[in-house]
N, C-alpha and C. Protein backbone atom coordinates (compact mmCIF):
# COMPACT_ATOMS: atom_id res chain seq x y z
N MET A 1 9.05 7.06 -22.58
CA MET A 1 8.38 7.75 -21.50
C MET A 1 7.55 8.89 -22.06
N SER A 2 6.46 9.13 -21.41
CA SER A 2 5.60 10.21 -21.89
C SER A 2 6.05 11.54 -21.31
N SER A 3 5.44 12.59 -21.82
CA SER A 3 5.85 13.92 -21.40
C SER A 3 5.40 14.26 -19.99
N SER A 4 4.42 13.52 -19.44
CA SER A 4 3.97 13.83 -18.08
C SER A 4 5.02 13.45 -17.04
N TYR A 5 5.97 12.57 -17.40
CA TYR A 5 7.06 12.26 -16.48
C TYR A 5 8.00 13.45 -16.35
N ASN A 6 8.10 14.26 -17.38
CA ASN A 6 9.07 15.34 -17.40
C ASN A 6 8.59 16.58 -16.64
N ARG A 7 7.29 16.77 -16.53
CA ARG A 7 6.82 17.96 -15.83
C ARG A 7 6.57 17.63 -14.37
N ALA A 8 6.77 18.61 -13.53
CA ALA A 8 6.59 18.41 -12.10
C ALA A 8 5.10 18.39 -11.76
N PRO A 9 4.68 17.47 -10.91
CA PRO A 9 3.27 17.43 -10.52
C PRO A 9 2.91 18.63 -9.66
N GLY A 10 1.67 19.06 -9.76
CA GLY A 10 1.21 20.20 -8.98
C GLY A 10 0.98 19.85 -7.52
N LEU A 11 0.73 20.86 -6.73
CA LEU A 11 0.52 20.67 -5.29
C LEU A 11 -0.69 19.79 -5.03
N PHE A 12 -1.77 20.01 -5.76
CA PHE A 12 -2.98 19.21 -5.56
C PHE A 12 -2.72 17.74 -5.84
N ASP A 13 -2.01 17.44 -6.92
CA ASP A 13 -1.70 16.05 -7.26
C ASP A 13 -0.82 15.40 -6.19
N ARG A 14 0.14 16.15 -5.69
CA ARG A 14 1.03 15.60 -4.66
C ARG A 14 0.28 15.33 -3.36
N VAL A 15 -0.57 16.26 -2.95
CA VAL A 15 -1.33 16.08 -1.71
C VAL A 15 -2.32 14.92 -1.86
N MET A 16 -3.01 14.86 -2.99
CA MET A 16 -3.97 13.77 -3.21
C MET A 16 -3.27 12.42 -3.25
N SER A 17 -2.11 12.36 -3.87
CA SER A 17 -1.41 11.08 -3.94
C SER A 17 -0.88 10.66 -2.57
N GLY A 18 -0.48 11.61 -1.75
CA GLY A 18 -0.06 11.27 -0.39
C GLY A 18 -1.23 10.84 0.47
N LEU A 19 -2.35 11.53 0.32
CA LEU A 19 -3.54 11.18 1.11
C LEU A 19 -4.11 9.82 0.72
N THR A 20 -3.94 9.44 -0.52
CA THR A 20 -4.48 8.15 -0.92
C THR A 20 -3.73 6.99 -0.24
N TYR A 21 -2.44 7.17 0.04
CA TYR A 21 -1.72 6.15 0.80
C TYR A 21 -2.15 6.14 2.26
N LEU A 22 -2.31 7.32 2.83
CA LEU A 22 -2.66 7.42 4.24
C LEU A 22 -4.08 6.95 4.53
N SER A 23 -4.94 6.94 3.51
CA SER A 23 -6.33 6.50 3.70
C SER A 23 -6.56 5.10 3.13
N VAL A 24 -5.52 4.34 2.93
CA VAL A 24 -5.59 2.97 2.42
C VAL A 24 -6.27 2.93 1.05
N GLY A 25 -6.02 3.93 0.23
CA GLY A 25 -6.53 3.96 -1.12
C GLY A 25 -7.92 4.55 -1.29
N MET A 26 -8.60 4.88 -0.21
CA MET A 26 -9.98 5.35 -0.31
C MET A 26 -10.09 6.74 -0.92
N VAL A 27 -9.20 7.64 -0.59
CA VAL A 27 -9.24 8.99 -1.17
C VAL A 27 -9.03 8.90 -2.67
N GLY A 28 -8.10 8.08 -3.10
CA GLY A 28 -7.87 7.91 -4.52
C GLY A 28 -9.04 7.27 -5.24
N PHE A 29 -9.66 6.29 -4.61
CA PHE A 29 -10.81 5.63 -5.21
C PHE A 29 -11.97 6.61 -5.37
N VAL A 30 -12.23 7.40 -4.33
CA VAL A 30 -13.30 8.40 -4.41
C VAL A 30 -12.96 9.44 -5.47
N TRP A 31 -11.69 9.84 -5.57
CA TRP A 31 -11.30 10.82 -6.56
C TRP A 31 -11.45 10.26 -7.98
N LEU A 32 -11.19 8.99 -8.17
CA LEU A 32 -11.43 8.37 -9.48
C LEU A 32 -12.91 8.40 -9.85
N ILE A 33 -13.78 8.17 -8.89
CA ILE A 33 -15.22 8.23 -9.15
C ILE A 33 -15.64 9.65 -9.50
N VAL A 34 -15.13 10.63 -8.74
CA VAL A 34 -15.45 12.04 -9.03
C VAL A 34 -14.95 12.41 -10.42
N CYS A 35 -13.75 12.00 -10.77
CA CYS A 35 -13.19 12.31 -12.09
C CYS A 35 -13.99 11.63 -13.20
N ALA A 36 -14.49 10.44 -12.96
CA ALA A 36 -15.28 9.74 -13.97
C ALA A 36 -16.58 10.49 -14.24
N PHE A 37 -17.19 11.04 -13.20
CA PHE A 37 -18.41 11.81 -13.39
C PHE A 37 -18.14 13.13 -14.11
N ARG A 38 -16.97 13.71 -13.86
CA ARG A 38 -16.60 14.97 -14.52
C ARG A 38 -16.13 14.76 -15.94
N GLY A 39 -15.72 13.55 -16.28
CA GLY A 39 -15.23 13.28 -17.62
C GLY A 39 -13.76 13.57 -17.82
N ARG A 40 -13.07 13.99 -16.78
CA ARG A 40 -11.63 14.25 -16.82
C ARG A 40 -10.93 13.27 -15.90
N TYR A 41 -9.86 12.70 -16.35
CA TYR A 41 -9.13 11.77 -15.52
C TYR A 41 -7.85 12.42 -15.01
N PRO A 42 -7.36 11.97 -13.86
CA PRO A 42 -6.13 12.56 -13.29
C PRO A 42 -4.94 12.31 -14.20
N ASP A 43 -3.90 13.12 -14.00
CA ASP A 43 -2.69 12.93 -14.80
C ASP A 43 -1.98 11.65 -14.38
N GLU A 44 -0.92 11.33 -15.10
CA GLU A 44 -0.25 10.04 -14.92
C GLU A 44 0.37 9.88 -13.53
N PHE A 45 0.89 10.96 -12.97
CA PHE A 45 1.50 10.89 -11.63
C PHE A 45 0.47 10.48 -10.58
N LEU A 46 -0.66 11.15 -10.57
CA LEU A 46 -1.70 10.85 -9.59
C LEU A 46 -2.29 9.46 -9.83
N MET A 47 -2.49 9.09 -11.09
CA MET A 47 -3.03 7.76 -11.39
C MET A 47 -2.07 6.66 -10.93
N TYR A 48 -0.77 6.88 -11.09
CA TYR A 48 0.21 5.90 -10.64
C TYR A 48 0.08 5.67 -9.14
N HIS A 49 0.00 6.74 -8.38
CA HIS A 49 -0.07 6.60 -6.92
C HIS A 49 -1.42 6.07 -6.47
N ILE A 50 -2.49 6.43 -7.15
CA ILE A 50 -3.80 5.88 -6.79
C ILE A 50 -3.81 4.38 -7.03
N LYS A 51 -3.32 3.96 -8.20
CA LYS A 51 -3.28 2.52 -8.50
C LYS A 51 -2.38 1.77 -7.53
N GLN A 52 -1.22 2.36 -7.22
CA GLN A 52 -0.30 1.68 -6.33
C GLN A 52 -0.86 1.59 -4.92
N SER A 53 -1.53 2.62 -4.43
CA SER A 53 -2.08 2.56 -3.08
C SER A 53 -3.22 1.55 -2.97
N ILE A 54 -4.08 1.50 -3.99
CA ILE A 54 -5.17 0.53 -3.97
C ILE A 54 -4.60 -0.88 -4.09
N PHE A 55 -3.63 -1.07 -4.98
CA PHE A 55 -3.02 -2.38 -5.17
C PHE A 55 -2.27 -2.83 -3.91
N PHE A 56 -1.55 -1.92 -3.27
CA PHE A 56 -0.84 -2.23 -2.03
C PHE A 56 -1.83 -2.63 -0.94
N SER A 57 -2.93 -1.91 -0.82
CA SER A 57 -3.93 -2.21 0.20
C SER A 57 -4.57 -3.57 -0.04
N LEU A 58 -4.92 -3.87 -1.29
CA LEU A 58 -5.52 -5.17 -1.60
C LEU A 58 -4.54 -6.31 -1.35
N CYS A 59 -3.28 -6.11 -1.71
CA CYS A 59 -2.27 -7.15 -1.45
C CYS A 59 -2.07 -7.36 0.04
N TYR A 60 -2.06 -6.29 0.80
CA TYR A 60 -1.92 -6.42 2.26
C TYR A 60 -3.09 -7.18 2.86
N ILE A 61 -4.30 -6.86 2.45
CA ILE A 61 -5.48 -7.55 2.97
C ILE A 61 -5.45 -9.03 2.60
N LEU A 62 -5.08 -9.33 1.36
CA LEU A 62 -5.01 -10.71 0.91
C LEU A 62 -3.92 -11.49 1.66
N MET A 63 -2.74 -10.89 1.81
CA MET A 63 -1.66 -11.57 2.53
C MET A 63 -2.01 -11.79 4.00
N ASP A 64 -2.68 -10.83 4.60
CA ASP A 64 -3.10 -10.97 5.99
C ASP A 64 -4.10 -12.11 6.15
N ALA A 65 -5.07 -12.20 5.24
CA ALA A 65 -6.06 -13.26 5.31
C ALA A 65 -5.42 -14.64 5.11
N VAL A 66 -4.51 -14.75 4.15
CA VAL A 66 -3.83 -16.02 3.90
C VAL A 66 -2.96 -16.40 5.10
N PHE A 67 -2.26 -15.42 5.67
CA PHE A 67 -1.41 -15.69 6.83
C PHE A 67 -2.23 -16.24 8.00
N TRP A 68 -3.33 -15.58 8.33
CA TRP A 68 -4.13 -16.05 9.46
C TRP A 68 -4.82 -17.37 9.17
N PHE A 69 -5.15 -17.63 7.91
CA PHE A 69 -5.71 -18.92 7.53
C PHE A 69 -4.68 -20.02 7.76
N LEU A 70 -3.42 -19.78 7.35
CA LEU A 70 -2.36 -20.76 7.57
C LEU A 70 -2.06 -20.96 9.05
N VAL A 71 -2.11 -19.89 9.81
CA VAL A 71 -1.89 -19.99 11.26
C VAL A 71 -2.96 -20.87 11.89
N LYS A 72 -4.22 -20.67 11.50
CA LYS A 72 -5.30 -21.48 12.06
C LYS A 72 -5.15 -22.95 11.70
N ILE A 73 -4.68 -23.24 10.49
CA ILE A 73 -4.46 -24.63 10.09
C ILE A 73 -3.29 -25.24 10.86
N LEU A 74 -2.18 -24.49 10.99
CA LEU A 74 -0.99 -25.01 11.67
C LEU A 74 -1.20 -25.18 13.18
N GLU A 75 -2.18 -24.51 13.75
CA GLU A 75 -2.43 -24.66 15.18
C GLU A 75 -2.98 -26.04 15.54
N TYR A 76 -3.48 -26.77 14.56
CA TYR A 76 -4.01 -28.11 14.82
C TYR A 76 -2.97 -29.20 14.69
N ILE A 77 -1.76 -28.87 14.25
CA ILE A 77 -0.69 -29.86 14.09
C ILE A 77 0.12 -29.91 15.38
N PRO A 78 0.22 -31.09 16.00
CA PRO A 78 0.98 -31.20 17.26
C PRO A 78 2.44 -30.81 17.06
N PHE A 79 3.04 -30.28 18.07
CA PHE A 79 4.42 -29.83 18.15
C PHE A 79 4.68 -28.56 17.33
N ILE A 80 3.99 -28.36 16.24
CA ILE A 80 4.17 -27.15 15.44
C ILE A 80 3.32 -26.02 16.00
N ASN A 81 2.21 -26.38 16.64
CA ASN A 81 1.29 -25.35 17.13
C ASN A 81 1.94 -24.43 18.16
N LYS A 82 2.79 -24.95 19.02
CA LYS A 82 3.45 -24.10 20.01
C LYS A 82 4.44 -23.13 19.35
N LEU A 83 5.14 -23.63 18.35
CA LEU A 83 6.08 -22.78 17.62
C LEU A 83 5.34 -21.67 16.87
N VAL A 84 4.24 -22.03 16.24
CA VAL A 84 3.45 -21.04 15.49
C VAL A 84 2.89 -19.99 16.44
N ARG A 85 2.37 -20.40 17.57
CA ARG A 85 1.85 -19.44 18.55
C ARG A 85 2.95 -18.51 19.06
N GLN A 86 4.14 -19.06 19.28
CA GLN A 86 5.25 -18.23 19.76
C GLN A 86 5.67 -17.21 18.71
N ILE A 87 5.74 -17.62 17.45
CA ILE A 87 6.12 -16.69 16.38
C ILE A 87 5.07 -15.59 16.23
N VAL A 88 3.80 -15.97 16.25
CA VAL A 88 2.72 -14.98 16.14
C VAL A 88 2.77 -14.03 17.33
N PHE A 89 3.04 -14.55 18.51
CA PHE A 89 3.13 -13.71 19.71
C PHE A 89 4.27 -12.71 19.59
N ILE A 90 5.43 -13.15 19.10
CA ILE A 90 6.59 -12.27 18.98
C ILE A 90 6.31 -11.13 18.01
N PHE A 91 5.70 -11.45 16.86
CA PHE A 91 5.45 -10.41 15.86
C PHE A 91 4.29 -9.49 16.21
N ASN A 92 3.39 -9.93 17.09
CA ASN A 92 2.24 -9.10 17.45
C ASN A 92 2.36 -8.49 18.84
N GLN A 93 3.43 -8.76 19.55
CA GLN A 93 3.66 -8.20 20.88
C GLN A 93 4.04 -6.73 20.76
N PRO A 94 3.35 -5.83 21.47
CA PRO A 94 3.75 -4.42 21.42
C PRO A 94 5.18 -4.24 21.93
N MET A 95 6.02 -3.64 21.09
CA MET A 95 7.43 -3.49 21.46
C MET A 95 7.91 -2.05 21.36
N VAL A 96 7.55 -1.36 20.29
CA VAL A 96 8.05 -0.02 20.05
C VAL A 96 6.91 0.97 20.25
N VAL A 97 6.92 1.69 21.35
CA VAL A 97 5.93 2.71 21.66
C VAL A 97 4.50 2.15 21.52
N GLY A 98 4.30 0.93 21.96
CA GLY A 98 2.97 0.33 21.92
C GLY A 98 2.59 -0.30 20.60
N TYR A 99 3.49 -0.33 19.64
CA TYR A 99 3.21 -0.94 18.34
C TYR A 99 4.02 -2.22 18.18
N SER A 100 3.46 -3.18 17.49
CA SER A 100 4.16 -4.44 17.24
C SER A 100 5.15 -4.26 16.08
N ILE A 101 5.96 -5.27 15.88
CA ILE A 101 6.94 -5.23 14.79
C ILE A 101 6.23 -5.11 13.45
N MET A 102 5.18 -5.87 13.26
CA MET A 102 4.45 -5.84 11.97
C MET A 102 3.79 -4.49 11.74
N GLN A 103 3.23 -3.89 12.78
CA GLN A 103 2.63 -2.56 12.63
C GLN A 103 3.69 -1.53 12.25
N CYS A 104 4.86 -1.62 12.86
CA CYS A 104 5.94 -0.69 12.52
C CYS A 104 6.39 -0.85 11.08
N VAL A 105 6.46 -2.07 10.60
CA VAL A 105 6.86 -2.31 9.20
C VAL A 105 5.81 -1.74 8.25
N ILE A 106 4.54 -2.04 8.49
CA ILE A 106 3.47 -1.55 7.61
C ILE A 106 3.39 -0.03 7.65
N TYR A 107 3.42 0.56 8.83
CA TYR A 107 3.36 2.02 8.93
C TYR A 107 4.58 2.66 8.28
N GLY A 108 5.74 2.03 8.41
CA GLY A 108 6.94 2.55 7.77
C GLY A 108 6.81 2.56 6.25
N ILE A 109 6.26 1.49 5.68
CA ILE A 109 6.06 1.43 4.23
C ILE A 109 5.07 2.49 3.78
N VAL A 110 3.96 2.63 4.52
CA VAL A 110 2.94 3.62 4.14
C VAL A 110 3.50 5.03 4.24
N ILE A 111 4.27 5.32 5.28
CA ILE A 111 4.86 6.66 5.42
C ILE A 111 5.88 6.91 4.31
N TYR A 112 6.68 5.91 3.97
CA TYR A 112 7.63 6.04 2.85
C TYR A 112 6.89 6.38 1.57
N LEU A 113 5.82 5.65 1.27
CA LEU A 113 5.06 5.88 0.04
C LEU A 113 4.42 7.26 0.05
N ALA A 114 3.84 7.66 1.18
CA ALA A 114 3.16 8.95 1.26
C ALA A 114 4.15 10.11 1.15
N VAL A 115 5.30 10.00 1.79
CA VAL A 115 6.30 11.08 1.73
C VAL A 115 6.84 11.23 0.31
N PHE A 116 7.15 10.12 -0.34
CA PHE A 116 7.63 10.21 -1.71
C PHE A 116 6.58 10.82 -2.62
N ALA A 117 5.32 10.45 -2.43
CA ALA A 117 4.24 11.00 -3.26
C ALA A 117 4.10 12.49 -3.02
N MET A 118 4.18 12.92 -1.76
CA MET A 118 4.04 14.35 -1.46
C MET A 118 5.25 15.15 -1.92
N MET A 119 6.38 14.49 -2.09
CA MET A 119 7.57 15.17 -2.62
C MET A 119 7.50 15.28 -4.15
N GLY A 120 6.53 14.61 -4.76
CA GLY A 120 6.40 14.66 -6.21
C GLY A 120 7.24 13.62 -6.92
N LEU A 121 7.62 12.56 -6.21
CA LEU A 121 8.44 11.50 -6.78
C LEU A 121 7.64 10.21 -6.94
N TYR A 122 8.07 9.36 -7.84
CA TYR A 122 7.46 8.05 -8.00
C TYR A 122 8.10 7.10 -7.01
N SER A 123 7.32 6.56 -6.10
CA SER A 123 7.85 5.62 -5.11
C SER A 123 7.95 4.24 -5.74
N TYR A 124 8.78 3.40 -5.12
CA TYR A 124 9.02 2.07 -5.68
C TYR A 124 9.00 1.03 -4.56
N LEU A 125 8.13 0.05 -4.71
CA LEU A 125 8.13 -1.14 -3.87
C LEU A 125 8.56 -2.29 -4.77
N PRO A 126 9.58 -3.05 -4.39
CA PRO A 126 10.20 -4.00 -5.31
C PRO A 126 9.26 -4.89 -6.14
N VAL A 127 8.36 -5.60 -5.55
CA VAL A 127 7.53 -6.51 -6.33
C VAL A 127 6.25 -5.83 -6.80
N LEU A 128 5.62 -5.08 -5.93
CA LEU A 128 4.33 -4.48 -6.26
C LEU A 128 4.45 -3.44 -7.37
N SER A 129 5.46 -2.61 -7.35
CA SER A 129 5.62 -1.60 -8.39
C SER A 129 5.93 -2.24 -9.73
N ASP A 130 6.69 -3.33 -9.73
CA ASP A 130 6.98 -4.03 -10.98
C ASP A 130 5.71 -4.62 -11.58
N ILE A 131 4.87 -5.21 -10.74
CA ILE A 131 3.61 -5.75 -11.22
C ILE A 131 2.72 -4.63 -11.74
N LEU A 132 2.66 -3.55 -10.99
CA LEU A 132 1.83 -2.40 -11.38
C LEU A 132 2.31 -1.80 -12.69
N ASN A 133 3.59 -1.64 -12.86
CA ASN A 133 4.12 -1.06 -14.10
C ASN A 133 3.97 -2.02 -15.28
N GLY A 134 4.06 -3.32 -15.02
CA GLY A 134 3.97 -4.28 -16.09
C GLY A 134 2.54 -4.52 -16.60
N TYR A 135 1.59 -4.56 -15.70
CA TYR A 135 0.24 -4.95 -16.10
C TYR A 135 -0.75 -3.80 -16.24
N PHE A 136 -0.55 -2.72 -15.50
CA PHE A 136 -1.54 -1.67 -15.47
C PHE A 136 -1.13 -0.43 -16.24
N ARG A 137 -0.02 -0.46 -16.91
CA ARG A 137 0.41 0.69 -17.70
C ARG A 137 -0.35 0.74 -19.00
N LYS A 138 -0.57 1.95 -19.50
CA LYS A 138 -1.25 2.12 -20.79
C LYS A 138 -0.29 1.82 -21.91
């Protein structure tokens, strides 16, 4: 482990890492562009959260597109189409304070990631963090 794991991240790094989750990775992406123009790159804590937020957002968009593509294909199969419509209806029906089950799950994950980042801790998502640590580490 490098020495940046041992020191506590500053307030700016914690706020930026939390905001990057809440903005679906856009704050982090813009900050990376600003840092590239300045010639200084963020420390390891902020880079970890920027990479994880962008990676999480891209995975969510990809999984959503694949899910709806499969739903559209399954709607043409007799007898399965009613089951698929019912499942989609259950997961997208507003249930908790006007939010669906899927929205509550996604918002819960984003809030978990943002709170951990603002506390100065490294958050962990079982599959995504392992991929991020395995492939994108220096």
